Amino acid sequence: MNAWLTLDFVAKRYGLLPSQLLKSGSSIDAKISILAVQYERFLQEKAQGEHTHKPVKEDDMLKMLEQARRKHNAKAQANAQDQQDS
């Protein structure tokens, strides 16, 4: 159901029939339109003073980066192992 709603949303945003989007569109179209709406909402909230940005400390950002690297490396190792096992 979510895929159909996304299709409808993207088609409305770009003035297409859903069938036209199915023929010529791609998943990138959906990702970009969703990102654009989220950014528009952010700008609207910021203008209305509803969005409060809390800065992230550098140490916290470095911790998040290290966690992402570990997760990526673990996935890469698992994929390499799967390929060896095949």
C-alpha atoms as a PDB file:
ATOM      1  CA  MET A   1       0.000   0.000   0.000  1.00  0.00           C
ATOM      2  CA  ASN A   2       2.824   2.415   0.855  1.00  0.00           C
ATOM      3  CA  ALA A   3       4.302   1.979  -2.634  1.00  0.00           C
ATOM      4  CA  TRP A   4       0.992   2.983  -4.220  1.00  0.00           C
ATOM      5  CA  LEU A   5       0.721   6.060  -2.016  1.00  0.00           C
ATOM      6  CA  THR A   6       4.283   7.015  -2.889  1.00  0.00           C
ATOM      7  CA  LEU A   7       3.491   6.573  -6.582  1.00  0.00           C
ATOM      8  CA  ASP A   8       0.433   8.795  -6.213  1.00  0.00           C
ATOM      9  CA  PHE A   9       2.398  11.408  -4.267  1.00  0.00           C
ATOM     10  CA  VAL A  10       5.216  11.615  -6.817  1.00  0.00           C
ATOM     11  CA  ALA A  11       2.809  11.704  -9.756  1.00  0.00           C
ATOM     12  CA  LYS A  12       0.837  14.570  -8.174  1.00  0.00           C
ATOM     13  CA  ARG A  13       4.012  16.478  -7.377  1.00  0.00           C
ATOM     14  CA  TYR A  14       5.212  16.354 -10.961  1.00  0.00           C
ATOM     15  CA  GLY A  15       1.838  16.582 -12.694  1.00  0.00           C
ATOM     16  CA  LEU A  16       1.798  13.076 -14.164  1.00  0.00           C
ATOM     17  CA  LEU A  17      -0.636  10.241 -14.204  1.00  0.00           C
ATOM     18  CA  PRO A  18       0.560   7.351 -12.056  1.00  0.00           C
ATOM     19  CA  SER A  19       0.665   5.165 -15.187  1.00  0.00           C
ATOM     20  CA  GLN A  20       3.008   7.673 -16.862  1.00  0.00           C
ATOM     21  CA  LEU A  21       5.280   7.606 -13.853  1.00  0.00           C
ATOM     22  CA  LEU A  22       5.292   3.801 -13.859  1.00  0.00           C
ATOM     23  CA  LYS A  23       6.408   3.799 -17.503  1.00  0.00           C
ATOM     24  CA  SER A  24       9.069   6.471 -17.345  1.00  0.00           C
ATOM     25  CA  GLY A  25       9.921   7.078 -13.692  1.00  0.00           C
ATOM     26  CA  SER A  26      12.390   5.432 -11.366  1.00  0.00           C
ATOM     27  CA  SER A  27      12.878   4.993  -7.651  1.00  0.00           C
ATOM     28  CA  ILE A  28      15.187   8.011  -7.727  1.00  0.00           C
ATOM     29  CA  ASP A  29      12.176  10.172  -8.630  1.00  0.00           C
ATOM     30  CA  ALA A  30      10.398   8.990  -5.483  1.00  0.00           C
ATOM     31  CA  LYS A  31      13.437   9.490  -3.267  1.00  0.00           C
ATOM     32  CA  ILE A  32      14.062  12.995  -4.583  1.00  0.00           C
ATOM     33  CA  SER A  33      10.448  14.087  -4.217  1.00  0.00           C
ATOM     34  CA  ILE A  34      10.248  12.800  -0.640  1.00  0.00           C
ATOM     35  CA  LEU A  35      13.536  14.510   0.219  1.00  0.00           C
ATOM     36  CA  ALA A  36      12.291  17.751  -1.366  1.00  0.00           C
ATOM     37  CA  VAL A  37       9.083  17.701   0.695  1.00  0.00           C
ATOM     38  CA  GLN A  38      11.038  17.045   3.872  1.00  0.00           C
ATOM     39  CA  TYR A  39      13.325  19.979   3.076  1.00  0.00           C
ATOM     40  CA  GLU A  40      10.359  22.240   2.299  1.00  0.00           C
ATOM     41  CA  ARG A  41       8.806  21.263   5.638  1.00  0.00           C
ATOM     42  CA  PHE A  42      12.101  22.010   7.397  1.00  0.00           C
ATOM     43  CA  LEU A  43      12.272  25.477   5.816  1.00  0.00           C
ATOM     44  CA  GLN A  44       8.658  26.186   6.743  1.00  0.00           C
ATOM     45  CA  GLU A  45       9.193  25.107  10.356  1.00  0.00           C
ATOM     46  CA  LYS A  46      12.395  27.138  10.521  1.00  0.00           C
ATOM     47  CA  ALA A  47      10.610  30.250   9.224  1.00  0.00           C
ATOM     48  CA  GLN A  48       7.844  29.782  11.789  1.00  0.00           C
ATOM     49  CA  GLY A  49      10.350  29.257  14.589  1.00  0.00           C
ATOM     50  CA  GLU A  50       9.126  25.702  15.172  1.00  0.00           C
ATOM     51  CA  HIS A  51      12.370  24.018  14.207  1.00  0.00           C
ATOM     52  CA  THR A  52      15.038  24.202  16.829  1.00  0.00           C
ATOM     53  CA  HIS A  53      18.413  22.909  15.781  1.00  0.00           C
ATOM     54  CA  LYS A  54      20.479  21.457  18.537  1.00  0.00           C
ATOM     55  CA  PRO A  55      24.133  21.465  17.549  1.00  0.00           C
ATOM     56  CA  VAL A  56      25.948  18.161  17.835  1.00  0.00           C
ATOM     57  CA  LYS A  57      29.211  18.173  19.733  1.00  0.00           C
ATOM     58  CA  GLU A  58      32.256  17.185  17.719  1.00  0.00           C
ATOM     59  CA  ASP A  59      32.995  14.232  20.011  1.00  0.00           C
ATOM     60  CA  ASP A  60      29.456  12.915  19.572  1.00  0.00           C
ATOM     61  CA  MET A  61      29.726  13.325  15.802  1.00  0.00           C
ATOM     62  CA  LEU A  62      33.011  11.411  15.773  1.00  0.00           C
ATOM     63  CA  LYS A  63      31.403   8.618  17.793  1.00  0.00           C
ATOM     64  CA  MET A  64      28.527   8.409  15.314  1.00  0.00           C
ATOM     65  CA  LEU A  65      30.982   8.331  12.425  1.00  0.00           C
ATOM     66  CA  GLU A  66      32.956   5.505  14.037  1.00  0.00           C
ATOM     67  CA  GLN A  67      29.756   3.518  14.631  1.00  0.00           C
ATOM     68  CA  ALA A  68      28.788   3.949  10.986  1.00  0.00           C
ATOM     69  CA  ARG A  69      32.244   2.821   9.865  1.00  0.00           C
ATOM     70  CA  ARG A  70      32.094  -0.274  12.073  1.00  0.00           C
ATOM     71  CA  LYS A  71      28.641  -1.142  10.764  1.00  0.00           C
ATOM     72  CA  HIS A  72      29.784  -0.666   7.160  1.00  0.00           C
ATOM     73  CA  ASN A  73      32.907  -2.767   7.701  1.00  0.00           C
ATOM     74  CA  ALA A  74      30.887  -5.550   9.344  1.00  0.00           C
ATOM     75  CA  LYS A  75      28.502  -5.633   6.374  1.00  0.00           C
ATOM     76  CA  ALA A  76      31.402  -5.648   3.918  1.00  0.00           C
ATOM     77  CA  GLN A  77      33.033  -8.547   5.758  1.00  0.00           C
ATOM     78  CA  ALA A  78      29.761 -10.471   5.837  1.00  0.00           C
ATOM     79  CA  ASN A  79      29.284  -9.923   2.102  1.00  0.00           C
ATOM     80  CA  ALA A  80      32.843 -11.034   1.394  1.00  0.00           C
ATOM     81  CA  GLN A  81      32.299 -14.150   3.483  1.00  0.00           C
ATOM     82  CA  ASP A  82      29.047 -14.906   1.657  1.00  0.00           C
ATOM     83  CA  GLN A  83      30.847 -14.620  -1.674  1.00  0.00           C
ATOM     84  CA  GLN A  84      33.580 -16.985  -0.505  1.00  0.00           C
ATOM     85  CA  ASP A  85      31.003 -19.489   0.693  1.00  0.00           C
ATOM     86  CA  SER A  86      29.188 -19.440  -2.664  1.00  0.00           C
END
